[in-house]
Protein backbone atom coordinates (compact mmCIF):
# COMPACT_ATOMS: atom_id res chain seq x y z
CA MET A 1 96.05 -134.23 -20.62
CA THR A 2 99.05 -134.39 -19.43
CA SER A 3 100.45 -131.01 -17.97
CA ARG A 4 102.76 -130.54 -20.30
CA ARG A 5 100.35 -130.32 -23.44
CA TRP A 6 98.21 -128.02 -21.38
CA PRO A 7 100.35 -124.62 -21.96
CA LEU A 8 100.04 -125.89 -25.75
CA ALA A 9 96.23 -126.18 -25.66
CA LEU A 10 95.75 -123.18 -24.22
CA ALA A 11 98.54 -121.05 -26.57
CA PHE A 12 96.53 -122.63 -29.39
CA ALA A 13 93.17 -121.67 -28.07
CA ALA A 14 94.17 -117.94 -27.42
CA SER A 15 95.60 -118.48 -30.86
CA LEU A 16 92.11 -119.06 -32.47
CA ALA A 17 90.14 -116.11 -30.37
CA GLY A 18 92.74 -113.68 -31.45
CA CYS A 19 91.40 -114.95 -35.21
CA ALA A 20 87.97 -114.58 -34.55
CA ALA A 21 88.13 -110.99 -33.05
CA PRO A 22 86.59 -108.38 -35.11
CA ARG A 23 89.31 -105.81 -37.09
CA ALA A 24 89.14 -102.50 -35.52
CA VAL A 25 87.46 -99.71 -37.69
CA PRO A 26 90.60 -97.01 -38.83
CA PRO A 27 89.41 -94.14 -36.90
CA PRO A 28 89.43 -91.69 -40.77
CA LEU A 29 86.43 -94.40 -41.58
CA ALA A 30 84.71 -93.99 -37.74
CA ALA A 31 81.44 -91.67 -37.98
CA GLU A 32 79.32 -90.35 -35.31
CA PHE A 33 75.77 -89.08 -36.27
CA ASP A 34 76.31 -85.80 -34.96
CA GLU A 35 79.75 -84.93 -36.56
CA PRO A 36 79.06 -81.35 -39.24
CA TYR A 37 78.57 -82.61 -42.79
CA VAL A 38 81.84 -81.69 -45.15
CA LEU A 39 80.10 -80.75 -48.16
CA ALA A 40 80.77 -83.05 -51.65
CA SER A 41 79.82 -83.28 -55.51
CA GLY A 42 76.68 -84.57 -55.69
CA ASP A 43 75.01 -82.74 -52.97
CA ARG A 44 72.28 -79.95 -53.32
CA LEU A 45 72.59 -76.58 -51.49
CA ARG A 46 69.75 -74.50 -50.85
CA VAL A 47 70.92 -70.59 -50.70
CA ASN A 48 68.54 -67.70 -49.66
CA VAL A 49 69.92 -64.67 -49.24
CA PHE A 50 67.04 -62.66 -47.04
CA GLY A 51 65.65 -59.68 -49.58
CA GLN A 52 67.21 -60.49 -52.80
CA PRO A 53 64.50 -63.30 -54.20
CA ASN A 54 66.87 -63.23 -57.76
CA LEU A 55 69.81 -64.65 -55.50
CA SER A 56 67.83 -67.15 -54.14
CA ASN A 57 67.96 -70.38 -55.26
CA SER A 58 69.14 -74.38 -55.39
CA TYR A 59 72.31 -75.35 -56.19
CA ALA A 60 74.12 -78.27 -57.21
CA VAL A 61 77.81 -79.14 -55.99
CA GLU A 62 79.65 -79.59 -59.33
CA PRO A 63 81.95 -81.99 -60.10
CA ASP A 64 84.96 -80.12 -59.45
CA GLY A 65 83.52 -79.21 -56.24
CA SER A 66 81.99 -76.04 -57.30
CA ILE A 67 78.66 -73.84 -57.10
CA SER A 68 78.38 -71.13 -59.77
CA MET A 69 76.31 -68.16 -58.45
CA PRO A 70 75.02 -64.54 -59.72
CA LEU A 71 77.31 -62.29 -58.12
CA VAL A 72 79.73 -64.28 -56.52
CA GLY A 73 80.54 -66.45 -59.70
CA ARG A 74 82.17 -70.03 -58.78
CA LEU A 75 82.62 -70.63 -55.06
CA LYS A 76 84.63 -73.98 -54.42
CA VAL A 77 82.30 -75.37 -51.54
CA SER A 78 83.36 -78.94 -51.87
CA GLY A 79 85.03 -79.88 -47.96
CA SER A 80 83.14 -76.96 -46.66
CA THR A 81 80.44 -77.39 -43.75
CA SER A 82 77.19 -75.68 -44.84
CA ASP A 83 77.98 -72.80 -42.29
CA GLN A 84 81.17 -72.28 -44.05
CA VAL A 85 79.69 -71.66 -47.04
CA ARG A 86 77.13 -68.85 -45.35
CA THR A 87 79.73 -66.74 -44.10
CA THR A 88 82.13 -66.89 -47.15
CA LEU A 89 78.82 -66.10 -49.48
CA GLU A 90 77.81 -63.33 -46.52
CA THR A 91 81.53 -61.85 -46.70
CA ARG A 92 81.82 -62.26 -51.09
CA LEU A 93 78.18 -60.42 -51.36
CA LYS A 94 79.40 -57.72 -49.04
CA SER A 95 82.57 -56.44 -50.75
CA GLY A 96 80.49 -54.53 -53.17
CA TYR A 97 77.10 -55.92 -54.01
CA LEU A 98 74.98 -55.66 -50.64
CA ARG A 99 75.28 -53.95 -48.10
CA ASP A 100 74.38 -55.79 -44.98
CA PRO A 101 73.89 -60.06 -46.73
CA ASN A 102 71.76 -62.15 -44.72
CA VAL A 103 72.46 -65.27 -46.14
CA SER A 104 70.84 -69.47 -45.31
CA VAL A 105 72.42 -72.39 -46.96
CA GLU A 106 70.80 -75.87 -46.14
CA ILE A 107 71.47 -79.01 -47.77
CA GLU A 108 68.16 -79.30 -50.12
CA SER A 109 69.88 -83.46 -50.78
CA TYR A 110 72.84 -85.38 -50.08
CA ARG A 111 74.87 -87.06 -52.37
CA PRO A 112 73.56 -90.62 -52.77
CA PHE A 113 75.36 -94.20 -51.03
CA PHE A 114 76.16 -97.03 -53.32
CA ILE A 115 75.08 -100.81 -51.99
CA LEU A 116 76.74 -103.60 -53.94
CA GLY A 117 77.19 -108.01 -53.67
CA GLU A 118 74.37 -109.49 -51.89
CA VAL A 119 71.55 -107.69 -51.50
CA THR A 120 67.97 -108.27 -53.84
CA ASN A 121 68.56 -104.83 -55.52
CA ALA A 122 72.06 -103.50 -55.67
CA GLY A 123 72.66 -100.05 -56.54
CA GLN A 124 72.43 -96.23 -55.99
CA TYR A 125 70.38 -95.12 -53.62
CA PRO A 126 69.39 -91.19 -51.73
CA TYR A 127 70.53 -90.82 -49.09
CA VAL A 128 68.29 -90.74 -45.64
CA ALA A 129 69.76 -88.56 -42.83
CA GLY A 130 70.41 -91.21 -39.63
CA MET A 131 71.44 -94.02 -41.89
CA THR A 132 73.05 -97.20 -40.66
CA ALA A 133 73.97 -100.04 -42.77
CA GLN A 134 71.03 -102.05 -41.67
CA ASN A 135 68.89 -99.33 -43.38
CA ALA A 136 70.43 -99.65 -46.52
CA VAL A 137 70.52 -103.41 -46.95
CA ALA A 138 66.05 -102.49 -46.23
CA ILE A 139 66.21 -99.79 -48.65
CA ALA A 140 68.09 -102.51 -51.20
CA SER A 141 65.14 -104.60 -50.74
CA GLY A 142 66.75 -106.84 -47.96
CA PHE A 143 69.48 -109.63 -48.10
CA SER A 144 70.00 -112.35 -50.72
CA PRO A 145 69.80 -115.89 -49.75
CA ARG A 146 73.73 -115.92 -49.74
CA ALA A 147 74.33 -112.69 -47.79
CA VAL A 148 76.63 -112.27 -44.76
CA ARG A 149 74.38 -111.07 -42.75
CA SER A 150 76.24 -109.99 -39.45
CA ARG A 151 78.58 -107.46 -40.93
CA VAL A 152 79.34 -105.53 -44.40
CA GLU A 153 82.08 -103.98 -45.93
CA LEU A 154 82.20 -100.17 -46.13
CA THR A 155 84.01 -98.22 -48.18
CA ARG A 156 84.18 -94.28 -47.49
CA ARG A 157 86.22 -91.14 -49.36
CA ASN A 158 88.13 -89.11 -46.56
CA GLY A 159 89.92 -86.07 -48.75
CA ASP A 160 91.91 -88.09 -50.92
CA ARG A 161 92.28 -91.40 -49.23
CA VAL A 162 89.85 -93.91 -49.49
CA PHE A 163 89.72 -96.73 -46.06
CA LYS A 164 87.94 -99.87 -45.98
CA ALA A 165 86.60 -102.14 -43.68
CA GLU A 166 84.35 -104.19 -42.27
CA VAL A 167 81.45 -102.97 -39.62
CA PRO A 168 78.60 -104.29 -37.72
CA LEU A 169 75.05 -103.29 -39.29
CA THR A 170 74.33 -100.63 -37.27
CA TYR A 171 77.58 -98.92 -37.90
CA PRO A 172 76.36 -94.81 -39.57
CA ILE A 173 76.39 -93.96 -43.13
CA ARG A 174 77.52 -91.36 -44.99
CA PRO A 175 76.22 -89.54 -48.33
CA GLY A 176 78.89 -90.98 -50.61
CA ASP A 177 79.36 -94.30 -49.10
CA THR A 178 79.76 -98.02 -50.72
CA ILE A 179 78.13 -100.75 -48.61
CA THR A 180 79.56 -104.72 -49.66
CA VAL A 181 77.20 -107.11 -48.70
CA GLU A 182 79.87 -110.16 -48.63
CA GLU A 183 78.37 -113.95 -50.08
CA ARG A 184 78.73 -116.45 -47.06
CA TRP A 185 80.51 -119.90 -47.53
CA PHE A 186 78.04 -121.99 -46.46
C-alpha cells in the first residue's frame, strides 16, 4: 500500500470500529441492585400496625397508584419507597386514631416483568429480586434457535417517560421492565 492510501485505510478502519461499539445505556435506564425500590401499580404490600390486627393486612397497589386502608382511606403510594409509605401511615394514624402507632411496610410481591421475542415462552412472569436479563431468558425457557444471544432490548418506564436501550445479558432487571430478544439474521 502506498503512503497516500494508508491514512485513508486507517480512517475507514476507525469508522468501522465505531459502528461495532456498544451504545451507552441512558442514565435514567441504568439500575443498580442496591438502589431503593419505588412502588407502582401491580405491587403488593404487607402492612403491619403493631397491636392493631384489624389494620394489619396485605394491600395491592391499584392501577391509580394507591392503596385503600381502614382509618387512613386512599393513600397514593406510587413513586414512593416502602419507608416513605411507613412514615406517611404513621403520621396519618397518629392524627386522631392511635396514640403512638408502630407500622412496618414490606413488599409482599413485586409487579411482573415481561419478555417478548425470540424466547421459547414469551409472556409475563413474576419478578425475582436481584434478577438479570439472563435470568429472565432462563425463566422464559431459554432462547429460540433464531435469537440474538449476546444482548437484549430493555424497555423501562421512569415516571412518565419510557426508555429503550440494548443491554448485555448481565444487566439488572427491575419489576415492570419489558425485555425483547431480537431475531438474528444469520
